[in-house]
Amino acid sequence: AKDVARGTELSKTLCSPRGLYTRLEVDQVGPKGVS
């Protein structure tokens, strides 16, 4: 319990969440994959 509480609190300073995303148009859906 103490380790989980400590780790959760540390995450607030040690973690810097960031992300990237993009959107692509589907060309073709075939039987074995997607282009």
PDB file of all heavy atoms in Angstrom:
ATOM      1  N   ALA A   1       0.812  -1.220   0.000  1.00  0.00           N
ATOM      2  CA  ALA A   1       0.000   0.000   0.000  1.00  0.00           C
ATOM      3  C   ALA A   1       0.845   1.270   0.000  1.00  0.00           C
ATOM      4  O   ALA A   1       0.568   2.215  -0.750  1.00  0.00           O
ATOM      5  CB  ALA A   1      -0.959  -0.010   1.188  1.00  0.00           C
ATOM      6  N   LYS A   2       1.882   1.312   0.846  1.00  0.00           N
ATOM      7  CA  LYS A   2       2.723   2.517   0.909  1.00  0.00           C
ATOM      8  C   LYS A   2       3.480   2.740  -0.404  1.00  0.00           C
ATOM      9  O   LYS A   2       3.611   3.873  -0.863  1.00  0.00           O
ATOM     10  CB  LYS A   2       3.707   2.418   2.074  1.00  0.00           C
ATOM     11  CG  LYS A   2       3.064   2.562   3.450  1.00  0.00           C
ATOM     12  CD  LYS A   2       4.108   2.553   4.550  1.00  0.00           C
ATOM     13  CE  LYS A   2       3.454   2.729   5.909  1.00  0.00           C
ATOM     14  NZ  LYS A   2       4.470   2.695   7.022  1.00  0.00           N
ATOM     15  N   ASP A   3       3.962   1.657  -1.000  1.00  0.00           N
ATOM     16  CA  ASP A   3       4.700   1.777  -2.262  1.00  0.00           C
ATOM     17  C   ASP A   3       3.782   2.249  -3.392  1.00  0.00           C
ATOM     18  O   ASP A   3       4.182   3.063  -4.234  1.00  0.00           O
ATOM     19  CB  ASP A   3       5.339   0.440  -2.639  1.00  0.00           C
ATOM     20  CG  ASP A   3       6.430   0.027  -1.665  1.00  0.00           C
ATOM     21  OD1 ASP A   3       7.233   0.902  -1.284  1.00  0.00           O
ATOM     22  OD2 ASP A   3       6.468  -1.153  -1.299  1.00  0.00           O
ATOM     23  N   VAL A   4       2.558   1.738  -3.422  1.00  0.00           N
ATOM     24  CA  VAL A   4       1.609   2.157  -4.445  1.00  0.00           C
ATOM     25  C   VAL A   4       1.242   3.626  -4.262  1.00  0.00           C
ATOM     26  O   VAL A   4       1.187   4.394  -5.231  1.00  0.00           O
ATOM     27  CB  VAL A   4       0.344   1.269  -4.410  1.00  0.00           C
ATOM     28  CG1 VAL A   4      -0.767   1.880  -5.269  1.00  0.00           C
ATOM     29  CG2 VAL A   4       0.679  -0.134  -4.887  1.00  0.00           C
ATOM     30  N   ALA A   5       1.008   4.031  -3.008  1.00  0.00           N
ATOM     31  CA  ALA A   5       0.674   5.434  -2.740  1.00  0.00           C
ATOM     32  C   ALA A   5       1.837   6.351  -3.123  1.00  0.00           C
ATOM     33  O   ALA A   5       1.638   7.403  -3.755  1.00  0.00           O
ATOM     34  CB  ALA A   5       0.329   5.613  -1.265  1.00  0.00           C
ATOM     35  N   ARG A   6       3.053   5.937  -2.769  1.00  0.00           N
ATOM     36  CA  ARG A   6       4.236   6.746  -3.095  1.00  0.00           C
ATOM     37  C   ARG A   6       4.441   6.826  -4.602  1.00  0.00           C
ATOM     38  O   ARG A   6       4.693   7.901  -5.157  1.00  0.00           O
ATOM     39  CB  ARG A   6       5.474   6.144  -2.433  1.00  0.00           C
ATOM     40  CG  ARG A   6       6.792   6.845  -2.774  1.00  0.00           C
ATOM     41  CD  ARG A   6       7.958   6.197  -2.034  1.00  0.00           C
ATOM     42  NE  ARG A   6       9.225   6.800  -2.433  1.00  0.00           N
ATOM     43  CZ  ARG A   6       9.939   6.418  -3.477  1.00  0.00           C
ATOM     44  NH1 ARG A   6       9.506   5.433  -4.254  1.00  0.00           N
ATOM     45  NH2 ARG A   6      11.088   7.010  -3.756  1.00  0.00           N
ATOM     46  N   GLY A   7       4.314   5.695  -5.277  1.00  0.00           N
ATOM     47  CA  GLY A   7       4.508   5.675  -6.723  1.00  0.00           C
ATOM     48  C   GLY A   7       3.481   6.503  -7.453  1.00  0.00           C
ATOM     49  O   GLY A   7       3.801   7.210  -8.417  1.00  0.00           O
ATOM     50  N   THR A   8       2.227   6.431  -7.000  1.00  0.00           N
ATOM     51  CA  THR A   8       1.165   7.213  -7.631  1.00  0.00           C
ATOM     52  C   THR A   8       1.437   8.704  -7.478  1.00  0.00           C
ATOM     53  O   THR A   8       1.237   9.478  -8.420  1.00  0.00           O
ATOM     54  CB  THR A   8      -0.206   6.859  -7.011  1.00  0.00           C
ATOM     55  OG1 THR A   8      -0.426   5.444  -7.137  1.00  0.00           O
ATOM     56  CG2 THR A   8      -1.329   7.609  -7.702  1.00  0.00           C
ATOM     57  N   GLU A   9       1.908   9.088  -6.306  1.00  0.00           N
ATOM     58  CA  GLU A   9       2.231  10.500  -6.085  1.00  0.00           C
ATOM     59  C   GLU A   9       3.435  10.922  -6.926  1.00  0.00           C
ATOM     60  O   GLU A   9       3.446  12.017  -7.508  1.00  0.00           O
ATOM     61  CB  GLU A   9       2.520  10.735  -4.596  1.00  0.00           C
ATOM     62  CG  GLU A   9       2.679  12.202  -4.206  1.00  0.00           C
ATOM     63  CD  GLU A   9       1.429  13.018  -4.474  1.00  0.00           C
ATOM     64  OE1 GLU A   9       0.310  12.470  -4.384  1.00  0.00           O
ATOM     65  OE2 GLU A   9       1.582  14.231  -4.784  1.00  0.00           O
ATOM     66  N   LEU A  10       4.435  10.052  -7.028  1.00  0.00           N
ATOM     67  CA  LEU A  10       5.609  10.362  -7.842  1.00  0.00           C
ATOM     68  C   LEU A  10       5.252  10.524  -9.316  1.00  0.00           C
ATOM     69  O   LEU A  10       5.886  11.311 -10.038  1.00  0.00           O
ATOM     70  CB  LEU A  10       6.657   9.247  -7.701  1.00  0.00           C
ATOM     71  CG  LEU A  10       7.549   9.283  -6.469  1.00  0.00           C
ATOM     72  CD1 LEU A  10       8.402   8.017  -6.402  1.00  0.00           C
ATOM     73  CD2 LEU A  10       8.440  10.521  -6.477  1.00  0.00           C
ATOM     74  N   SER A  11       4.248   9.786  -9.774  1.00  0.00           N
ATOM     75  CA  SER A  11       3.874   9.857 -11.189  1.00  0.00           C
ATOM     76  C   SER A  11       3.464  11.273 -11.594  1.00  0.00           C
ATOM     77  O   SER A  11       3.593  11.654 -12.760  1.00  0.00           O
ATOM     78  CB  SER A  11       2.728   8.886 -11.488  1.00  0.00           C
ATOM     79  OG  SER A  11       1.498   9.333 -10.935  1.00  0.00           O
ATOM     80  N   LYS A  12       2.989  12.048 -10.641  1.00  0.00           N
ATOM     81  CA  LYS A  12       2.541  13.407 -10.948  1.00  0.00           C
ATOM     82  C   LYS A  12       3.700  14.317 -11.337  1.00  0.00           C
ATOM     83  O   LYS A  12       3.514  15.324 -12.028  1.00  0.00           O
ATOM     84  CB  LYS A  12       1.770  13.982  -9.763  1.00  0.00           C
ATOM     85  CG  LYS A  12       0.441  13.256  -9.501  1.00  0.00           C
ATOM     86  CD  LYS A  12      -0.247  13.768  -8.256  1.00  0.00           C
ATOM     87  CE  LYS A  12      -1.642  13.178  -8.113  1.00  0.00           C
ATOM     88  NZ  LYS A  12      -1.670  11.710  -8.110  1.00  0.00           N
ATOM     89  N   THR A  13       4.905  13.978 -10.866  1.00  0.00           N
ATOM     90  CA  THR A  13       6.083  14.779 -11.229  1.00  0.00           C
ATOM     91  C   THR A  13       6.981  14.076 -12.252  1.00  0.00           C
ATOM     92  O   THR A  13       7.673  14.733 -13.025  1.00  0.00           O
ATOM     93  CB  THR A  13       6.919  15.113  -9.978  1.00  0.00           C
ATOM     94  OG1 THR A  13       7.251  13.897  -9.288  1.00  0.00           O
ATOM     95  CG2 THR A  13       6.143  16.033  -9.048  1.00  0.00           C
ATOM     96  N   LEU A  14       6.958  12.739 -12.269  1.00  0.00           N
ATOM     97  CA  LEU A  14       7.843  11.992 -13.163  1.00  0.00           C
ATOM     98  C   LEU A  14       7.247  11.767 -14.551  1.00  0.00           C
ATOM     99  O   LEU A  14       7.984  11.541 -15.502  1.00  0.00           O
ATOM    100  CB  LEU A  14       8.186  10.634 -12.542  1.00  0.00           C
ATOM    101  CG  LEU A  14       9.032  10.657 -11.271  1.00  0.00           C
ATOM    102  CD1 LEU A  14       9.218   9.238 -10.742  1.00  0.00           C
ATOM    103  CD2 LEU A  14      10.387  11.309 -11.513  1.00  0.00           C
ATOM    104  N   CYS A  15       5.926  11.815 -14.661  1.00  0.00           N
ATOM    105  CA  CYS A  15       5.273  11.539 -15.947  1.00  0.00           C
ATOM    106  C   CYS A  15       4.860  12.837 -16.633  1.00  0.00           C
ATOM    107  O   CYS A  15       4.296  13.733 -16.000  1.00  0.00           O
ATOM    108  CB  CYS A  15       4.041  10.662 -15.743  1.00  0.00           C
ATOM    109  SG  CYS A  15       4.425   8.996 -15.169  1.00  0.00           S
ATOM    110  N   SER A  16       5.164  12.922 -17.911  1.00  0.00           N
ATOM    111  CA  SER A  16       4.779  14.081 -18.729  1.00  0.00           C
ATOM    112  C   SER A  16       4.034  13.560 -19.963  1.00  0.00           C
ATOM    113  O   SER A  16       4.623  13.414 -21.040  1.00  0.00           O
ATOM    114  CB  SER A  16       6.019  14.870 -19.160  1.00  0.00           C
ATOM    115  OG  SER A  16       6.738  15.326 -18.031  1.00  0.00           O
ATOM    116  N   PRO A  17       2.737  13.272 -19.815  1.00  0.00           N
ATOM    117  CA  PRO A  17       1.980  12.674 -20.927  1.00  0.00           C
ATOM    118  C   PRO A  17       1.894  13.600 -22.136  1.00  0.00           C
ATOM    119  O   PRO A  17       1.563  14.782 -22.013  1.00  0.00           O
ATOM    120  CB  PRO A  17       0.585  12.446 -20.322  1.00  0.00           C
ATOM    121  CG  PRO A  17       0.778  12.493 -18.845  1.00  0.00           C
ATOM    122  CD  PRO A  17       1.909  13.440 -18.620  1.00  0.00           C
ATOM    123  N   ARG A  18       2.199  13.033 -23.295  1.00  0.00           N
ATOM    124  CA  ARG A  18       2.114  13.762 -24.561  1.00  0.00           C
ATOM    125  C   ARG A  18       1.692  12.789 -25.640  1.00  0.00           C
ATOM    126  O   ARG A  18       1.918  11.585 -25.521  1.00  0.00           O
ATOM    127  CB  ARG A  18       3.471  14.378 -24.943  1.00  0.00           C
ATOM    128  CG  ARG A  18       4.053  15.333 -23.917  1.00  0.00           C
ATOM    129  CD  ARG A  18       5.468  15.713 -24.258  1.00  0.00           C
ATOM    130  NE  ARG A  18       5.547  16.515 -25.469  1.00  0.00           N
ATOM    131  CZ  ARG A  18       6.691  16.841 -26.073  1.00  0.00           C
ATOM    132  NH1 ARG A  18       7.844  16.395 -25.595  1.00  0.00           N
ATOM    133  NH2 ARG A  18       6.681  17.584 -27.161  1.00  0.00           N
ATOM    134  N   GLY A  19       1.103  13.320 -26.703  1.00  0.00           N
ATOM    135  CA  GLY A  19       0.669  12.439 -27.770  1.00  0.00           C
ATOM    136  C   GLY A  19       0.664  13.106 -29.133  1.00  0.00           C
ATOM    137  O   GLY A  19       0.679  14.338 -29.240  1.00  0.00           O
ATOM    138  N   LEU A  20       0.688  12.268 -30.158  1.00  0.00           N
ATOM    139  CA  LEU A  20       0.575  12.700 -31.555  1.00  0.00           C
ATOM    140  C   LEU A  20      -0.474  11.839 -32.229  1.00  0.00           C
ATOM    141  O   LEU A  20      -0.555  10.639 -31.965  1.00  0.00           O
ATOM    142  CB  LEU A  20       1.887  12.462 -32.322  1.00  0.00           C
ATOM    143  CG  LEU A  20       3.108  13.337 -32.147  1.00  0.00           C
ATOM    144  CD1 LEU A  20       4.220  12.755 -33.016  1.00  0.00           C
ATOM    145  CD2 LEU A  20       2.830  14.765 -32.520  1.00  0.00           C
ATOM    146  N   TYR A  21      -1.264  12.446 -33.112  1.00  0.00           N
ATOM    147  CA  TYR A  21      -2.126  11.608 -33.934  1.00  0.00           C
ATOM    148  C   TYR A  21      -2.404  12.290 -35.261  1.00  0.00           C
ATOM    149  O   TYR A  21      -2.242  13.501 -35.418  1.00  0.00           O
ATOM    150  CB  TYR A  21      -3.418  11.247 -33.209  1.00  0.00           C
ATOM    151  CG  TYR A  21      -4.447  12.341 -33.079  1.00  0.00           C
ATOM    152  CD1 TYR A  21      -5.429  12.540 -34.056  1.00  0.00           C
ATOM    153  CD2 TYR A  21      -4.479  13.164 -31.955  1.00  0.00           C
ATOM    154  CE1 TYR A  21      -6.399  13.528 -33.920  1.00  0.00           C
ATOM    155  CE2 TYR A  21      -5.446  14.155 -31.812  1.00  0.00           C
ATOM    156  CZ  TYR A  21      -6.404  14.328 -32.800  1.00  0.00           C
ATOM    157  OH  TYR A  21      -7.353  15.305 -32.670  1.00  0.00           O
ATOM    158  N   THR A  22      -2.800  11.479 -36.211  1.00  0.00           N
ATOM    159  CA  THR A  22      -3.195  11.997 -37.517  1.00  0.00           C
ATOM    160  C   THR A  22      -4.316  11.120 -38.048  1.00  0.00           C
ATOM    161  O   THR A  22      -4.570  10.020 -37.551  1.00  0.00           O
ATOM    162  CB  THR A  22      -2.018  12.022 -38.498  1.00  0.00           C
ATOM    163  OG1 THR A  22      -2.379  12.797 -39.648  1.00  0.00           O
ATOM    164  CG2 THR A  22      -1.624  10.614 -38.971  1.00  0.00           C
ATOM    165  N   ARG A  23      -4.975  11.612 -39.070  1.00  0.00           N
ATOM    166  CA  ARG A  23      -6.097  10.911 -39.676  1.00  0.00           C
ATOM    167  C   ARG A  23      -5.752  10.610 -41.139  1.00  0.00           C
ATOM    168  O   ARG A  23      -5.316  11.498 -41.869  1.00  0.00           O
ATOM    169  CB  ARG A  23      -7.333  11.813 -39.609  1.00  0.00           C
ATOM    170  CG  ARG A  23      -8.644  11.135 -39.957  1.00  0.00           C
ATOM    171  CD  ARG A  23      -9.750  12.180 -40.071  1.00  0.00           C
ATOM    172  NE  ARG A  23      -9.848  13.029 -38.915  1.00  0.00           N
ATOM    173  CZ  ARG A  23     -10.665  12.820 -37.888  1.00  0.00           C
ATOM    174  NH1 ARG A  23     -11.453  11.769 -37.893  1.00  0.00           N
ATOM    175  NH2 ARG A  23     -10.703  13.663 -36.872  1.00  0.00           N
ATOM    176  N   LEU A  24      -5.902   9.357 -41.546  1.00  0.00           N
ATOM    177  CA  LEU A  24      -5.647   8.960 -42.931  1.00  0.00           C
ATOM    178  C   LEU A  24      -6.908   8.389 -43.564  1.00  0.00           C
ATOM    179  O   LEU A  24      -7.687   7.695 -42.903  1.00  0.00           O
ATOM    180  CB  LEU A  24      -4.542   7.901 -43.002  1.00  0.00           C
ATOM    181  CG  LEU A  24      -3.108   8.323 -42.677  1.00  0.00           C
ATOM    182  CD1 LEU A  24      -2.169   7.155 -42.916  1.00  0.00           C
ATOM    183  CD2 LEU A  24      -2.676   9.526 -43.485  1.00  0.00           C
ATOM    184  N   GLU A  25      -7.073   8.652 -44.850  1.00  0.00           N
ATOM    185  CA  GLU A  25      -8.219   8.130 -45.592  1.00  0.00           C
ATOM    186  C   GLU A  25      -7.936   6.703 -46.055  1.00  0.00           C
ATOM    187  O   GLU A  25      -6.851   6.400 -46.569  1.00  0.00           O
ATOM    188  CB  GLU A  25      -8.497   9.021 -46.806  1.00  0.00           C
ATOM    189  CG  GLU A  25      -9.679   8.578 -47.644  1.00  0.00           C
ATOM    190  CD  GLU A  25      -9.879   9.455 -48.871  1.00  0.00           C
ATOM    191  OE1 GLU A  25      -9.203  10.502 -48.979  1.00  0.00           O
ATOM    192  OE2 GLU A  25     -10.697   9.067 -49.736  1.00  0.00           O
ATOM    193  N   VAL A  26      -8.895   5.831 -45.839  1.00  0.00           N
ATOM    194  CA  VAL A  26      -8.764   4.444 -46.297  1.00  0.00           C
ATOM    195  C   VAL A  26      -8.862   4.402 -47.818  1.00  0.00           C
ATOM    196  O   VAL A  26      -9.763   4.993 -48.415  1.00  0.00           O
ATOM    197  CB  VAL A  26      -9.867   3.557 -45.677  1.00  0.00           C
ATOM    198  CG1 VAL A  26      -9.842   2.152 -46.290  1.00  0.00           C
ATOM    199  CG2 VAL A  26      -9.695   3.469 -44.165  1.00  0.00           C
ATOM    200  N   ASP A  27      -7.922   3.704 -48.437  1.00  0.00           N
ATOM    201  CA  ASP A  27      -7.950   3.528 -49.889  1.00  0.00           C
ATOM    202  C   ASP A  27      -8.716   2.259 -50.251  1.00  0.00           C
ATOM    203  O   ASP A  27      -9.662   2.293 -51.031  1.00  0.00           O
ATOM    204  CB  ASP A  27      -6.515   3.461 -50.425  1.00  0.00           C
ATOM    205  CG  ASP A  27      -6.463   3.252 -51.930  1.00  0.00           C
ATOM    206  OD1 ASP A  27      -7.354   3.772 -52.637  1.00  0.00           O
ATOM    207  OD2 ASP A  27      -5.548   2.554 -52.405  1.00  0.00           O
ATOM    208  N   GLN A  28      -8.306   1.149 -49.648  1.00  0.00           N
ATOM    209  CA  GLN A  28      -8.945  -0.122 -49.980  1.00  0.00           C
ATOM    210  C   GLN A  28      -8.809  -1.099 -48.816  1.00  0.00           C
ATOM    211  O   GLN A  28      -7.754  -1.178 -48.176  1.00  0.00           O
ATOM    212  CB  GLN A  28      -8.319  -0.732 -51.231  1.00  0.00           C
ATOM    213  CG  GLN A  28      -9.005  -1.990 -51.721  1.00  0.00           C
ATOM    214  CD  GLN A  28      -8.420  -2.491 -53.034  1.00  0.00           C
ATOM    215  OE1 GLN A  28      -7.458  -1.932 -53.554  1.00  0.00           O
ATOM    216  NE2 GLN A  28      -8.999  -3.544 -53.583  1.00  0.00           N
ATOM    217  N   VAL A  29      -9.887  -1.816 -48.539  1.00  0.00           N
ATOM    218  CA  VAL A  29      -9.868  -2.899 -47.554  1.00  0.00           C
ATOM    219  C   VAL A  29      -9.962  -4.205 -48.320  1.00  0.00           C
ATOM    220  O   VAL A  29     -10.974  -4.486 -48.974  1.00  0.00           O
ATOM    221  CB  VAL A  29     -11.038  -2.787 -46.557  1.00  0.00           C
ATOM    222  CG1 VAL A  29     -10.992  -3.953 -45.564  1.00  0.00           C
ATOM    223  CG2 VAL A  29     -10.986  -1.452 -45.821  1.00  0.00           C
ATOM    224  N   GLY A  30      -8.868  -4.977 -48.258  1.00  0.00           N
ATOM    225  CA  GLY A  30      -8.840  -6.258 -48.954  1.00  0.00           C
ATOM    226  C   GLY A  30      -8.992  -7.404 -47.986  1.00  0.00           C
ATOM    227  O   GLY A  30      -9.145  -7.203 -46.778  1.00  0.00           O
ATOM    228  N   PRO A  31      -8.929  -8.628 -48.462  1.00  0.00           N
ATOM    229  CA  PRO A  31      -9.081  -9.793 -47.579  1.00  0.00           C
ATOM    230  C   PRO A  31      -7.914  -9.989 -46.617  1.00  0.00           C
ATOM    231  O   PRO A  31      -8.071 -10.644 -45.587  1.00  0.00           O
ATOM    232  CB  PRO A  31      -9.195 -10.964 -48.559  1.00  0.00           C
ATOM    233  CG  PRO A  31      -8.523 -10.484 -49.811  1.00  0.00           C
ATOM    234  CD  PRO A  31      -8.787  -9.009 -49.882  1.00  0.00           C
ATOM    235  N   LYS A  32      -6.763  -9.413 -46.945  1.00  0.00           N
ATOM    236  CA  LYS A  32      -5.576  -9.657 -46.112  1.00  0.00           C
ATOM    237  C   LYS A  32      -4.952  -8.398 -45.539  1.00  0.00           C
ATOM    238  O   LYS A  32      -3.885  -8.460 -44.924  1.00  0.00           O
ATOM    239  CB  LYS A  32      -4.521 -10.406 -46.926  1.00  0.00           C
ATOM    240  CG  LYS A  32      -4.967 -11.793 -47.359  1.00  0.00           C
ATOM    241  CD  LYS A  32      -3.854 -12.514 -48.095  1.00  0.00           C
ATOM    242  CE  LYS A  32      -4.289 -13.921 -48.510  1.00  0.00           C
ATOM    243  NZ  LYS A  32      -3.198 -14.641 -49.236  1.00  0.00           N
ATOM    244  N   GLY A  33      -5.585  -7.231 -45.750  1.00  0.00           N
ATOM    245  CA  GLY A  33      -4.989  -6.018 -45.219  1.00  0.00           C
ATOM    246  C   GLY A  33      -5.717  -4.770 -45.669  1.00  0.00           C
ATOM    247  O   GLY A  33      -6.743  -4.836 -46.342  1.00  0.00           O
ATOM    248  N   VAL A  34      -5.145  -3.631 -45.271  1.00  0.00           N
ATOM    249  CA  VAL A  34      -5.769  -2.332 -45.523  1.00  0.00           C
ATOM    250  C   VAL A  34      -4.729  -1.377 -46.095  1.00  0.00           C
ATOM    251  O   VAL A  34      -3.604  -1.285 -45.581  1.00  0.00           O
ATOM    252  CB  VAL A  34      -6.317  -1.715 -44.212  1.00  0.00           C
ATOM    253  CG1 VAL A  34      -7.093  -0.433 -44.507  1.00  0.00           C
ATOM    254  CG2 VAL A  34      -7.171  -2.716 -43.460  1.00  0.00           C
ATOM    255  N   SER A  35      -5.100  -0.655 -47.156  1.00  0.00           N
ATOM    256  CA  SER A  35      -4.224   0.379 -47.713  1.00  0.00           C
ATOM    257  C   SER A  35      -4.857   1.743 -47.496  1.00  0.00           C
ATOM    258  O   SER A  35      -6.079   1.865 -47.369  1.00  0.00           O
ATOM    259  CB  SER A  35      -3.967   0.135 -49.202  1.00  0.00           C
ATOM    260  OG  SER A  35      -5.181   0.155 -49.942  1.00  0.00           O
TER     261      SER A  35
END
